[in-house]
Amino acid sequence: MHILFPSLPIAPTRPDPDYEAEYEAARAAGFSCALYELESLRAGDLRGSLRRCPAAPEAGEPLLYRGWMLSDTQYATLYSALAQRGYQPLTPPEAYAEAHYLPLAYAHLRGHTPETVWMDGSDTGRAWELYGQVSDAPAILKDFVKSAKHRWREACYLPAHTTRPDFERTLAAFLYERGSLFEKGLVLRRYHPLVELGQNMQGQPIHEEYRLFCFDGAIIAHAPFRDPSALDANRGLWQDLAARFANRFITLDVAAQEDGSWLVVEAGDGGVSGLPLSIEPDAFYSALYQACAQA
C-alpha cells in the first residue's frame, strides 16, 4: 500500500511539517510514501503536483490519499491522474464525496446525528426560509463541509427564534470566514446540549467529543475516552454506521449528550480527517497498515 502525503511548498522533496510525523510513522509501519504539491493541484497542474510521485511499480497498486481537504472536483481530478500512473486509489471519487459532504452522509446517520436541513448556494432569502424549519430551537450554521466555530457567537451559533437581522449578520460573518473555501451550500443543524468541558477564549464550548477512524466498518483508532465503557457500549452501533458508507476509510466524530446518550456529530473521509494529538502517529499507522493488510 502506498500513501500520498503533501509536500512542503518551499521544499517539495520534504513532507509538509503538519504531516511530517505521520509521514515518518507511515514509513516505519511499512507503507511506501510519496509526495504531492498541494498548490499545484489546486491550480490544476497535475503534472507538477505529482512530479515527486513515481509511476506505480505494477498496475493497480493500491494508494491512499492523506492530506488536506479537497473539493470533490479536485479529488476526482487527482484520482484520475493517479490512475493514469498505474495506481488504484483506495477511495473512488463518489465515495470521497459521500463521506466529505454532510448532505450525502446524512442518509447513513439519520436518527443518530442532529436533525439537518440544507440548500445549495448561499442566497440570503432562501437561507432565511430554510432557517424557518429549525428556528424553534438553537441551531448551528455551516456549509456542506465546515463551520466557523472558532467564531462561535458571531458566525456559527443561532439561538432559538433568531431574528432575521441577527440571522443575516451571522450568515454574512460565516460567509466571510469561509471565503473561497465555501463548499457547495448552507447547512443548518439542530443544536444538542452536549457535555461541556469548558470554553476557549472565543467562547466556543469544548465538548466531550472523540474521533473514531474506521476501516471497512471497524474502528481501528480513536482518541482515549474519559470513560472507556462508553466506547464498549456503543462500538457495535458506531461500526454499523461506518459500514453503511461506500467509503472504506472514514471518520466518525462522536459526542456525549448531557442526558448520557451519544450522537455522531460529524463524518468525514479518513484521508483528509486530522489526527487528534491524543492519537500517536506510530500507533495509528501501525493499526492502519494491519487493517489494509487484512483487507
C-alpha atoms as a PDB file:
ATOM      1  CA  MET A   1       0.000   0.000   0.000  1.00  0.00           C
ATOM      2  CA  HIS A   2       1.215   3.469  -0.922  1.00  0.00           C
ATOM      3  CA  ILE A   3       0.287   6.721   0.831  1.00  0.00           C
ATOM      4  CA  LEU A   4       0.410  10.132  -0.852  1.00  0.00           C
ATOM      5  CA  PHE A   5       1.298  12.981   1.516  1.00  0.00           C
ATOM      6  CA  PRO A   6       1.528  16.753   0.914  1.00  0.00           C
ATOM      7  CA  SER A   7       4.975  18.268   0.477  1.00  0.00           C
ATOM      8  CA  LEU A   8       6.458  21.406   1.995  1.00  0.00           C
ATOM      9  CA  PRO A   9       5.733  24.194  -0.533  1.00  0.00           C
ATOM     10  CA  ILE A  10       9.192  25.750  -0.368  1.00  0.00           C
ATOM     11  CA  ALA A  11      10.966  22.369  -0.325  1.00  0.00           C
ATOM     12  CA  PRO A  12       8.829  19.884  -2.294  1.00  0.00           C
ATOM     13  CA  THR A  13      11.152  16.948  -1.588  1.00  0.00           C
ATOM     14  CA  ARG A  14      10.149  17.122   2.082  1.00  0.00           C
ATOM     15  CA  PRO A  15       6.759  16.413   3.659  1.00  0.00           C
ATOM     16  CA  ASP A  16       4.627  19.289   4.892  1.00  0.00           C
ATOM     17  CA  PRO A  17       5.587  19.912   8.550  1.00  0.00           C
ATOM     18  CA  ASP A  18       1.975  19.300   9.593  1.00  0.00           C
ATOM     19  CA  TYR A  19       2.291  15.769   8.202  1.00  0.00           C
ATOM     20  CA  GLU A  20       5.978  15.070   8.808  1.00  0.00           C
ATOM     21  CA  ALA A  21       5.420  12.923  11.916  1.00  0.00           C
ATOM     22  CA  GLU A  22       2.707  10.975  10.085  1.00  0.00           C
ATOM     23  CA  TYR A  23       4.947  10.518   7.032  1.00  0.00           C
ATOM     24  CA  GLU A  24       7.720   9.031   9.158  1.00  0.00           C
ATOM     25  CA  ALA A  25       5.286   6.876  11.127  1.00  0.00           C
ATOM     26  CA  ALA A  26       3.707   5.550   7.924  1.00  0.00           C
ATOM     27  CA  ARG A  27       7.104   4.591   6.521  1.00  0.00           C
ATOM     28  CA  ALA A  28       8.046   2.893   9.787  1.00  0.00           C
ATOM     29  CA  ALA A  29       4.792   0.928   9.706  1.00  0.00           C
ATOM     30  CA  GLY A  30       5.614  -0.442   6.244  1.00  0.00           C
ATOM     31  CA  PHE A  31       3.863   1.916   3.836  1.00  0.00           C
ATOM     32  CA  SER A  32       5.563   3.259   0.722  1.00  0.00           C
ATOM     33  CA  CYS A  33       5.179   7.054   0.803  1.00  0.00           C
ATOM     34  CA  ALA A  34       5.213   9.660  -1.954  1.00  0.00           C
ATOM     35  CA  LEU A  35       4.615  13.417  -2.028  1.00  0.00           C
ATOM     36  CA  TYR A  36       2.308  15.756  -3.926  1.00  0.00           C
ATOM     37  CA  GLU A  37       2.285  19.549  -4.193  1.00  0.00           C
ATOM     38  CA  LEU A  38      -0.983  20.992  -2.918  1.00  0.00           C
ATOM     39  CA  GLU A  39      -0.813  24.399  -4.589  1.00  0.00           C
ATOM     40  CA  SER A  40      -0.109  22.869  -7.996  1.00  0.00           C
ATOM     41  CA  LEU A  41      -3.029  20.511  -7.506  1.00  0.00           C
ATOM     42  CA  ARG A  42      -5.373  23.376  -6.611  1.00  0.00           C
ATOM     43  CA  ALA A  43      -4.144  25.280  -9.663  1.00  0.00           C
ATOM     44  CA  GLY A  44      -4.963  22.333 -11.913  1.00  0.00           C
ATOM     45  CA  ASP A  45      -1.324  21.463 -12.649  1.00  0.00           C
ATOM     46  CA  LEU A  46      -1.491  17.706 -12.103  1.00  0.00           C
ATOM     47  CA  ARG A  47       1.871  17.019 -13.727  1.00  0.00           C
ATOM     48  CA  GLY A  48       3.572  19.494 -11.421  1.00  0.00           C
ATOM     49  CA  SER A  49       1.648  18.305  -8.393  1.00  0.00           C
ATOM     50  CA  LEU A  50       2.687  14.673  -8.873  1.00  0.00           C
ATOM     51  CA  ARG A  51       6.257  15.181 -10.050  1.00  0.00           C
ATOM     52  CA  ARG A  52       7.500  13.608  -6.783  1.00  0.00           C
ATOM     53  CA  CYS A  53       5.161  10.627  -7.155  1.00  0.00           C
ATOM     54  CA  PRO A  54       6.722   7.896  -9.334  1.00  0.00           C
ATOM     55  CA  ALA A  55       4.604   5.635 -11.504  1.00  0.00           C
ATOM     56  CA  ALA A  56       3.257   2.541  -9.770  1.00  0.00           C
ATOM     57  CA  PRO A  57       5.661  -0.424  -9.808  1.00  0.00           C
ATOM     58  CA  GLU A  58       2.788  -2.602 -11.019  1.00  0.00           C
ATOM     59  CA  ALA A  59      -0.599  -1.703 -12.472  1.00  0.00           C
ATOM     60  CA  GLY A  60      -3.327  -1.461  -9.875  1.00  0.00           C
ATOM     61  CA  GLU A  61      -1.082  -0.731  -6.893  1.00  0.00           C
ATOM     62  CA  PRO A  62      -3.331   0.462  -4.004  1.00  0.00           C
ATOM     63  CA  LEU A  63      -2.810   4.041  -2.815  1.00  0.00           C
ATOM     64  CA  LEU A  64      -4.330   6.140  -0.061  1.00  0.00           C
ATOM     65  CA  TYR A  65      -4.520   9.941  -0.272  1.00  0.00           C
ATOM     66  CA  ARG A  66      -3.571  11.506   3.065  1.00  0.00           C
ATOM     67  CA  GLY A  67      -3.569  15.267   3.235  1.00  0.00           C
ATOM     68  CA  TRP A  68      -5.528  18.494   3.100  1.00  0.00           C
ATOM     69  CA  MET A  69      -9.208  18.636   2.249  1.00  0.00           C
ATOM     70  CA  LEU A  70     -10.067  18.798  -1.439  1.00  0.00           C
ATOM     71  CA  SER A  71     -13.308  19.582  -3.214  1.00  0.00           C
ATOM     72  CA  ASP A  72     -14.982  16.667  -4.944  1.00  0.00           C
ATOM     73  CA  THR A  73     -13.842  18.037  -8.306  1.00  0.00           C
ATOM     74  CA  GLN A  74     -10.226  18.365  -7.171  1.00  0.00           C
ATOM     75  CA  TYR A  75     -10.254  14.883  -5.711  1.00  0.00           C
ATOM     76  CA  ALA A  76     -11.762  13.357  -8.867  1.00  0.00           C
ATOM     77  CA  THR A  77      -9.062  15.021 -10.957  1.00  0.00           C
ATOM     78  CA  LEU A  78      -6.339  13.699  -8.654  1.00  0.00           C
ATOM     79  CA  TYR A  79      -7.898  10.229  -8.693  1.00  0.00           C
ATOM     80  CA  SER A  80      -7.782  10.136 -12.496  1.00  0.00           C
ATOM     81  CA  ALA A  81      -4.179  11.349 -12.599  1.00  0.00           C
ATOM     82  CA  LEU A  82      -3.104   8.675 -10.119  1.00  0.00           C
ATOM     83  CA  ALA A  83      -4.952   6.005 -12.091  1.00  0.00           C
ATOM     84  CA  GLN A  84      -3.040   7.079 -15.194  1.00  0.00           C
ATOM     85  CA  ARG A  85       0.180   6.478 -13.248  1.00  0.00           C
ATOM     86  CA  GLY A  86      -0.887   2.911 -12.529  1.00  0.00           C
ATOM     87  CA  TYR A  87      -2.333   3.328  -9.036  1.00  0.00           C
ATOM     88  CA  GLN A  88      -5.694   2.190  -7.739  1.00  0.00           C
ATOM     89  CA  PRO A  89      -6.653   4.828  -5.139  1.00  0.00           C
ATOM     90  CA  LEU A  90      -8.461   3.265  -2.205  1.00  0.00           C
ATOM     91  CA  THR A  91     -11.326   5.769  -2.280  1.00  0.00           C
ATOM     92  CA  PRO A  92     -13.266   6.397  -5.519  1.00  0.00           C
ATOM     93  CA  PRO A  93     -14.466   9.988  -6.069  1.00  0.00           C
ATOM     94  CA  GLU A  94     -18.111   9.138  -5.302  1.00  0.00           C
ATOM     95  CA  ALA A  95     -17.106   7.523  -2.011  1.00  0.00           C
ATOM     96  CA  TYR A  96     -14.938  10.512  -1.099  1.00  0.00           C
ATOM     97  CA  ALA A  97     -17.851  12.896  -1.653  1.00  0.00           C
ATOM     98  CA  GLU A  98     -20.224  10.642   0.293  1.00  0.00           C
ATOM     99  CA  ALA A  99     -18.173  10.969   3.471  1.00  0.00           C
ATOM    100  CA  HIS A 100     -16.903  14.508   2.877  1.00  0.00           C
ATOM    101  CA  TYR A 101     -20.224  16.292   2.290  1.00  0.00           C
ATOM    102  CA  LEU A 102     -22.721  16.200   5.143  1.00  0.00           C
ATOM    103  CA  PRO A 103     -25.887  16.111   2.983  1.00  0.00           C
ATOM    104  CA  LEU A 104     -24.569  12.919   1.344  1.00  0.00           C
ATOM    105  CA  ALA A 105     -23.515  11.348   4.644  1.00  0.00           C
ATOM    106  CA  TYR A 106     -26.767  12.275   6.381  1.00  0.00           C
ATOM    107  CA  ALA A 107     -28.752   9.387   4.900  1.00  0.00           C
ATOM    108  CA  HIS A 108     -26.427   6.939   6.680  1.00  0.00           C
ATOM    109  CA  LEU A 109     -26.525   8.793  10.005  1.00  0.00           C
ATOM    110  CA  ARG A 110     -30.158   9.890  10.269  1.00  0.00           C
ATOM    111  CA  GLY A 111     -31.534   9.133  13.718  1.00  0.00           C
ATOM    112  CA  HIS A 112     -28.053   9.103  15.257  1.00  0.00           C
ATOM    113  CA  THR A 113     -26.989  12.657  14.373  1.00  0.00           C
ATOM    114  CA  PRO A 114     -28.665  16.058  14.831  1.00  0.00           C
ATOM    115  CA  GLU A 115     -31.596  16.875  12.546  1.00  0.00           C
ATOM    116  CA  THR A 116     -30.183  18.616   9.494  1.00  0.00           C
ATOM    117  CA  VAL A 117     -31.546  20.688   6.623  1.00  0.00           C
ATOM    118  CA  TRP A 118     -29.604  22.154   3.710  1.00  0.00           C
ATOM    119  CA  MET A 119     -29.689  24.073   0.450  1.00  0.00           C
ATOM    120  CA  ASP A 120     -27.388  24.656  -2.491  1.00  0.00           C
ATOM    121  CA  GLY A 121     -25.717  28.056  -2.697  1.00  0.00           C
ATOM    122  CA  SER A 122     -25.762  30.907  -0.174  1.00  0.00           C
ATOM    123  CA  ASP A 123     -28.713  33.116  -1.151  1.00  0.00           C
ATOM    124  CA  THR A 124     -29.788  35.081   1.931  1.00  0.00           C
ATOM    125  CA  GLY A 125     -33.534  34.935   1.248  1.00  0.00           C
ATOM    126  CA  ARG A 126     -33.549  31.196   0.680  1.00  0.00           C
ATOM    127  CA  ALA A 127     -31.337  30.689   3.714  1.00  0.00           C
ATOM    128  CA  TRP A 128     -33.829  32.576   5.902  1.00  0.00           C
ATOM    129  CA  GLU A 129     -36.623  30.336   4.606  1.00  0.00           C
ATOM    130  CA  LEU A 130     -34.519  27.260   5.371  1.00  0.00           C
ATOM    131  CA  TYR A 131     -33.858  28.504   8.895  1.00  0.00           C
ATOM    132  CA  GLY A 132     -37.611  28.530   9.476  1.00  0.00           C
ATOM    133  CA  GLN A 133     -37.518  24.713   9.531  1.00  0.00           C
ATOM    134  CA  VAL A 134     -35.301  24.641  12.640  1.00  0.00           C
ATOM    135  CA  SER A 135     -35.829  28.065  14.248  1.00  0.00           C
ATOM    136  CA  ASP A 136     -37.836  26.733  17.203  1.00  0.00           C
ATOM    137  CA  ALA A 137     -34.580  25.549  18.860  1.00  0.00           C
ATOM    138  CA  PRO A 138     -30.900  26.552  18.813  1.00  0.00           C
ATOM    139  CA  ALA A 139     -29.082  25.662  15.603  1.00  0.00           C
ATOM    140  CA  ILE A 140     -25.603  25.556  14.068  1.00  0.00           C
ATOM    141  CA  LEU A 141     -24.750  27.112  10.695  1.00  0.00           C
ATOM    142  CA  LYS A 142     -22.152  25.603   8.364  1.00  0.00           C
ATOM    143  CA  ASP A 143     -21.537  24.766   4.725  1.00  0.00           C
ATOM    144  CA  PHE A 144     -21.518  21.218   3.342  1.00  0.00           C
ATOM    145  CA  VAL A 145     -18.129  20.569   4.996  1.00  0.00           C
ATOM    146  CA  LYS A 146     -17.124  23.096   7.656  1.00  0.00           C
ATOM    147  CA  SER A 147     -18.454  25.620  10.137  1.00  0.00           C
ATOM    148  CA  ALA A 148     -16.799  28.755  11.519  1.00  0.00           C
ATOM    149  CA  LYS A 149     -16.994  27.528  15.096  1.00  0.00           C
ATOM    150  CA  HIS A 150     -13.862  29.488  16.003  1.00  0.00           C
ATOM    151  CA  ARG A 151     -16.250  32.479  15.834  1.00  0.00           C
ATOM    152  CA  TRP A 152     -18.938  30.671  17.752  1.00  0.00           C
ATOM    153  CA  ARG A 153     -21.144  33.593  18.751  1.00  0.00           C
ATOM    154  CA  GLU A 154     -20.743  35.687  15.589  1.00  0.00           C
ATOM    155  CA  ALA A 155     -20.677  33.132  12.750  1.00  0.00           C
ATOM    156  CA  CYS A 156     -21.884  29.735  13.934  1.00  0.00           C
ATOM    157  CA  TYR A 157     -24.443  29.512  16.756  1.00  0.00           C
ATOM    158  CA  LEU A 158     -28.057  30.605  16.241  1.00  0.00           C
ATOM    159  CA  PRO A 159     -30.235  30.905  19.367  1.00  0.00           C
ATOM    160  CA  ALA A 160     -33.834  29.755  19.091  1.00  0.00           C
ATOM    161  CA  HIS A 161     -36.081  32.264  17.295  1.00  0.00           C
ATOM    162  CA  THR A 162     -33.165  34.330  15.992  1.00  0.00           C
ATOM    163  CA  THR A 163     -34.498  37.448  14.274  1.00  0.00           C
ATOM    164  CA  ARG A 164     -33.920  37.962  10.566  1.00  0.00           C
ATOM    165  CA  PRO A 165     -31.430  40.838  11.063  1.00  0.00           C
ATOM    166  CA  ASP A 166     -29.417  38.743  13.516  1.00  0.00           C
ATOM    167  CA  PHE A 167     -29.614  35.716  11.218  1.00  0.00           C
ATOM    168  CA  GLU A 168     -28.346  37.725   8.273  1.00  0.00           C
ATOM    169  CA  ARG A 169     -25.457  39.112  10.342  1.00  0.00           C
ATOM    170  CA  THR A 170     -24.469  35.589  11.384  1.00  0.00           C
ATOM    171  CA  LEU A 171     -24.738  34.351   7.805  1.00  0.00           C
ATOM    172  CA  ALA A 172     -22.638  37.242   6.484  1.00  0.00           C
ATOM    173  CA  ALA A 173     -19.964  36.601   9.122  1.00  0.00           C
ATOM    174  CA  PHE A 174     -19.932  32.901   8.279  1.00  0.00           C
ATOM    175  CA  LEU A 175     -19.601  33.500   4.543  1.00  0.00           C
ATOM    176  CA  TYR A 176     -16.788  35.974   5.191  1.00  0.00           C
ATOM    177  CA  GLU A 177     -14.920  33.439   7.310  1.00  0.00           C
ATOM    178  CA  ARG A 178     -15.259  30.641   4.756  1.00  0.00           C
ATOM    179  CA  GLY A 179     -14.440  32.872   1.803  1.00  0.00           C
ATOM    180  CA  SER A 180     -13.142  30.941  -1.200  1.00  0.00           C
ATOM    181  CA  LEU A 181     -13.242  27.710   0.817  1.00  0.00           C
ATOM    182  CA  PHE A 182     -17.061  27.789   0.970  1.00  0.00           C
ATOM    183  CA  GLU A 183     -18.308  24.355  -0.097  1.00  0.00           C
ATOM    184  CA  LYS A 184     -21.483  23.806  -2.115  1.00  0.00           C
ATOM    185  CA  GLY A 185     -24.243  25.222   0.083  1.00  0.00           C
ATOM    186  CA  LEU A 186     -25.604  26.009   3.530  1.00  0.00           C
ATOM    187  CA  VAL A 187     -26.429  23.533   6.290  1.00  0.00           C
ATOM    188  CA  LEU A 188     -28.431  24.117   9.461  1.00  0.00           C
ATOM    189  CA  ARG A 189     -28.270  21.572  12.271  1.00  0.00           C
ATOM    190  CA  ARG A 190     -30.231  21.456  15.492  1.00  0.00           C
ATOM    191  CA  TYR A 191     -28.003  22.170  18.447  1.00  0.00           C
ATOM    192  CA  HIS A 192     -27.987  19.477  21.139  1.00  0.00           C
ATOM    193  CA  PRO A 193     -26.907  20.037  24.755  1.00  0.00           C
ATOM    194  CA  LEU A 194     -23.603  18.175  24.821  1.00  0.00           C
ATOM    195  CA  VAL A 195     -21.379  17.570  27.825  1.00  0.00           C
ATOM    196  CA  GLU A 196     -19.294  20.725  28.077  1.00  0.00           C
ATOM    197  CA  LEU A 197     -15.743  20.505  29.415  1.00  0.00           C
ATOM    198  CA  GLY A 198     -15.080  24.250  29.191  1.00  0.00           C
ATOM    199  CA  GLN A 199     -14.827  27.098  26.699  1.00  0.00           C
ATOM    200  CA  ASN A 200     -12.000  28.522  24.653  1.00  0.00           C
ATOM    201  CA  MET A 201     -11.078  32.211  24.530  1.00  0.00           C
ATOM    202  CA  GLN A 202     -13.592  32.869  21.734  1.00  0.00           C
ATOM    203  CA  GLY A 203     -16.446  31.483  23.815  1.00  0.00           C
ATOM    204  CA  GLN A 204     -16.669  28.285  21.798  1.00  0.00           C
ATOM    205  CA  PRO A 205     -17.738  25.383  24.028  1.00  0.00           C
ATOM    206  CA  ILE A 206     -15.346  22.459  24.326  1.00  0.00           C
ATOM    207  CA  HIS A 207     -17.418  19.304  24.335  1.00  0.00           C
ATOM    208  CA  GLU A 208     -16.679  15.721  25.277  1.00  0.00           C
ATOM    209  CA  GLU A 209     -16.070  14.597  21.723  1.00  0.00           C
ATOM    210  CA  TYR A 210     -13.917  11.868  20.200  1.00  0.00           C
ATOM    211  CA  ARG A 211     -12.782  10.998  16.680  1.00  0.00           C
ATOM    212  CA  LEU A 212     -13.051   7.393  15.507  1.00  0.00           C
ATOM    213  CA  PHE A 213     -11.085   6.171  12.484  1.00  0.00           C
ATOM    214  CA  CYS A 214     -12.887   3.293  10.784  1.00  0.00           C
ATOM    215  CA  PHE A 215     -11.631   0.950   8.064  1.00  0.00           C
ATOM    216  CA  ASP A 216     -14.101  -1.404   6.378  1.00  0.00           C
ATOM    217  CA  GLY A 217     -16.565  -0.651   9.171  1.00  0.00           C
ATOM    218  CA  ALA A 218     -14.193  -1.482  12.048  1.00  0.00           C
ATOM    219  CA  ILE A 219     -12.845   1.104  14.486  1.00  0.00           C
ATOM    220  CA  ILE A 220      -9.059   0.937  14.135  1.00  0.00           C
ATOM    221  CA  ALA A 221      -8.046   4.035  16.116  1.00  0.00           C
ATOM    222  CA  HIS A 222      -9.678   6.543  18.437  1.00  0.00           C
ATOM    223  CA  ALA A 223      -8.890   9.211  20.961  1.00  0.00           C
ATOM    224  CA  PRO A 224      -8.876   7.853  24.548  1.00  0.00           C
ATOM    225  CA  PHE A 225     -12.334   8.036  26.147  1.00  0.00           C
ATOM    226  CA  ARG A 226     -12.724   9.505  29.621  1.00  0.00           C
ATOM    227  CA  ASP A 227     -14.978   6.521  30.340  1.00  0.00           C
ATOM    228  CA  PRO A 228     -13.883   3.525  28.246  1.00  0.00           C
ATOM    229  CA  SER A 229     -17.202   1.786  28.921  1.00  0.00           C
ATOM    230  CA  ALA A 230     -18.900   4.343  26.626  1.00  0.00           C
ATOM    231  CA  LEU A 231     -16.894   3.016  23.688  1.00  0.00           C
ATOM    232  CA  ASP A 232     -17.651  -0.570  24.671  1.00  0.00           C
ATOM    233  CA  ALA A 233     -21.374   0.154  24.890  1.00  0.00           C
ATOM    234  CA  ASN A 234     -21.577   1.941  21.531  1.00  0.00           C
ATOM    235  CA  ARG A 235     -18.909   0.201  19.457  1.00  0.00           C
ATOM    236  CA  GLY A 236     -21.397  -2.055  17.673  1.00  0.00           C
ATOM    237  CA  LEU A 237     -23.662   0.819  16.648  1.00  0.00           C
ATOM    238  CA  TRP A 238     -20.841   3.070  15.509  1.00  0.00           C
ATOM    239  CA  GLN A 239     -19.250   0.315  13.474  1.00  0.00           C
ATOM    240  CA  ASP A 240     -22.609  -0.492  11.883  1.00  0.00           C
ATOM    241  CA  LEU A 241     -22.963   3.173  10.876  1.00  0.00           C
ATOM    242  CA  ALA A 242     -19.438   3.237   9.433  1.00  0.00           C
ATOM    243  CA  ALA A 243     -20.160   0.103   7.417  1.00  0.00           C
ATOM    244  CA  ARG A 244     -23.071   1.852   5.668  1.00  0.00           C
ATOM    245  CA  PHE A 245     -20.640   4.047   3.737  1.00  0.00           C
ATOM    246  CA  ALA A 246     -19.177   3.002   0.406  1.00  0.00           C
ATOM    247  CA  ASN A 247     -16.010   4.787   1.564  1.00  0.00           C
ATOM    248  CA  ARG A 248     -13.804   2.172   3.221  1.00  0.00           C
ATOM    249  CA  PHE A 249     -11.803   4.634   5.337  1.00  0.00           C
ATOM    250  CA  ILE A 250     -13.862   7.198   7.228  1.00  0.00           C
ATOM    251  CA  THR A 251     -14.027   9.065  10.496  1.00  0.00           C
ATOM    252  CA  LEU A 252     -16.950   9.489  12.860  1.00  0.00           C
ATOM    253  CA  ASP A 253     -16.841  12.227  15.499  1.00  0.00           C
ATOM    254  CA  VAL A 254     -18.997  11.210  18.451  1.00  0.00           C
ATOM    255  CA  ALA A 255     -20.055  13.383  21.387  1.00  0.00           C
ATOM    256  CA  ALA A 256     -21.658  12.781  24.771  1.00  0.00           C
ATOM    257  CA  GLN A 257     -25.011  14.419  25.449  1.00  0.00           C
ATOM    258  CA  GLU A 258     -25.998  15.758  28.844  1.00  0.00           C
ATOM    259  CA  ASP A 259     -28.613  13.015  29.181  1.00  0.00           C
ATOM    260  CA  GLY A 260     -25.906  10.328  28.926  1.00  0.00           C
ATOM    261  CA  SER A 261     -26.597   9.305  25.331  1.00  0.00           C
ATOM    262  CA  TRP A 262     -24.249   9.800  22.382  1.00  0.00           C
ATOM    263  CA  LEU A 263     -24.506  11.470  18.987  1.00  0.00           C
ATOM    264  CA  VAL A 264     -22.488  11.248  15.807  1.00  0.00           C
ATOM    265  CA  VAL A 265     -21.765  14.919  15.182  1.00  0.00           C
ATOM    266  CA  GLU A 266     -19.618  14.585  12.042  1.00  0.00           C
ATOM    267  CA  ALA A 267     -18.498  12.079   9.443  1.00  0.00           C
ATOM    268  CA  GLY A 268     -15.523  12.528   7.169  1.00  0.00           C
ATOM    269  CA  ASP A 269     -13.211  10.913   4.674  1.00  0.00           C
ATOM    270  CA  GLY A 270     -10.409   9.269   6.635  1.00  0.00           C
ATOM    271  CA  GLY A 271      -7.746  10.526   4.258  1.00  0.00           C
ATOM    272  CA  VAL A 272      -8.460  14.190   4.976  1.00  0.00           C
ATOM    273  CA  SER A 273      -9.518  13.972   8.638  1.00  0.00           C
ATOM    274  CA  GLY A 274      -6.988  15.396  11.043  1.00  0.00           C
ATOM    275  CA  LEU A 275      -5.253  13.134  13.533  1.00  0.00           C
ATOM    276  CA  PRO A 276      -6.004  14.320  17.095  1.00  0.00           C
ATOM    277  CA  LEU A 277      -2.992  14.994  19.298  1.00  0.00           C
ATOM    278  CA  SER A 278      -4.225  12.237  21.604  1.00  0.00           C
ATOM    279  CA  ILE A 279      -3.635   9.592  18.890  1.00  0.00           C
ATOM    280  CA  GLU A 280       0.032   8.735  18.442  1.00  0.00           C
ATOM    281  CA  PRO A 281       1.046   8.594  14.755  1.00  0.00           C
ATOM    282  CA  ASP A 282       3.071   5.393  15.234  1.00  0.00           C
ATOM    283  CA  ALA A 283       0.110   3.561  16.758  1.00  0.00           C
ATOM    284  CA  PHE A 284      -2.278   4.960  14.162  1.00  0.00           C
ATOM    285  CA  TYR A 285      -0.251   3.919  11.114  1.00  0.00           C
ATOM    286  CA  SER A 286       0.520   0.525  12.600  1.00  0.00           C
ATOM    287  CA  ALA A 287      -3.216  -0.081  13.012  1.00  0.00           C
ATOM    288  CA  LEU A 288      -3.944   1.245   9.520  1.00  0.00           C
ATOM    289  CA  TYR A 289      -1.246  -0.967   7.994  1.00  0.00           C
ATOM    290  CA  GLN A 290      -2.700  -4.046   9.690  1.00  0.00           C
ATOM    291  CA  ALA A 291      -6.204  -3.133   8.509  1.00  0.00           C
ATOM    292  CA  CYS A 292      -5.006  -2.704   4.926  1.00  0.00           C
ATOM    293  CA  ALA A 293      -3.063  -5.988   5.051  1.00  0.00           C
ATOM    294  CA  GLN A 294      -6.141  -7.883   6.237  1.00  0.00           C
ATOM    295  CA  ALA A 295      -8.486  -6.340   3.650  1.00  0.00           C
END
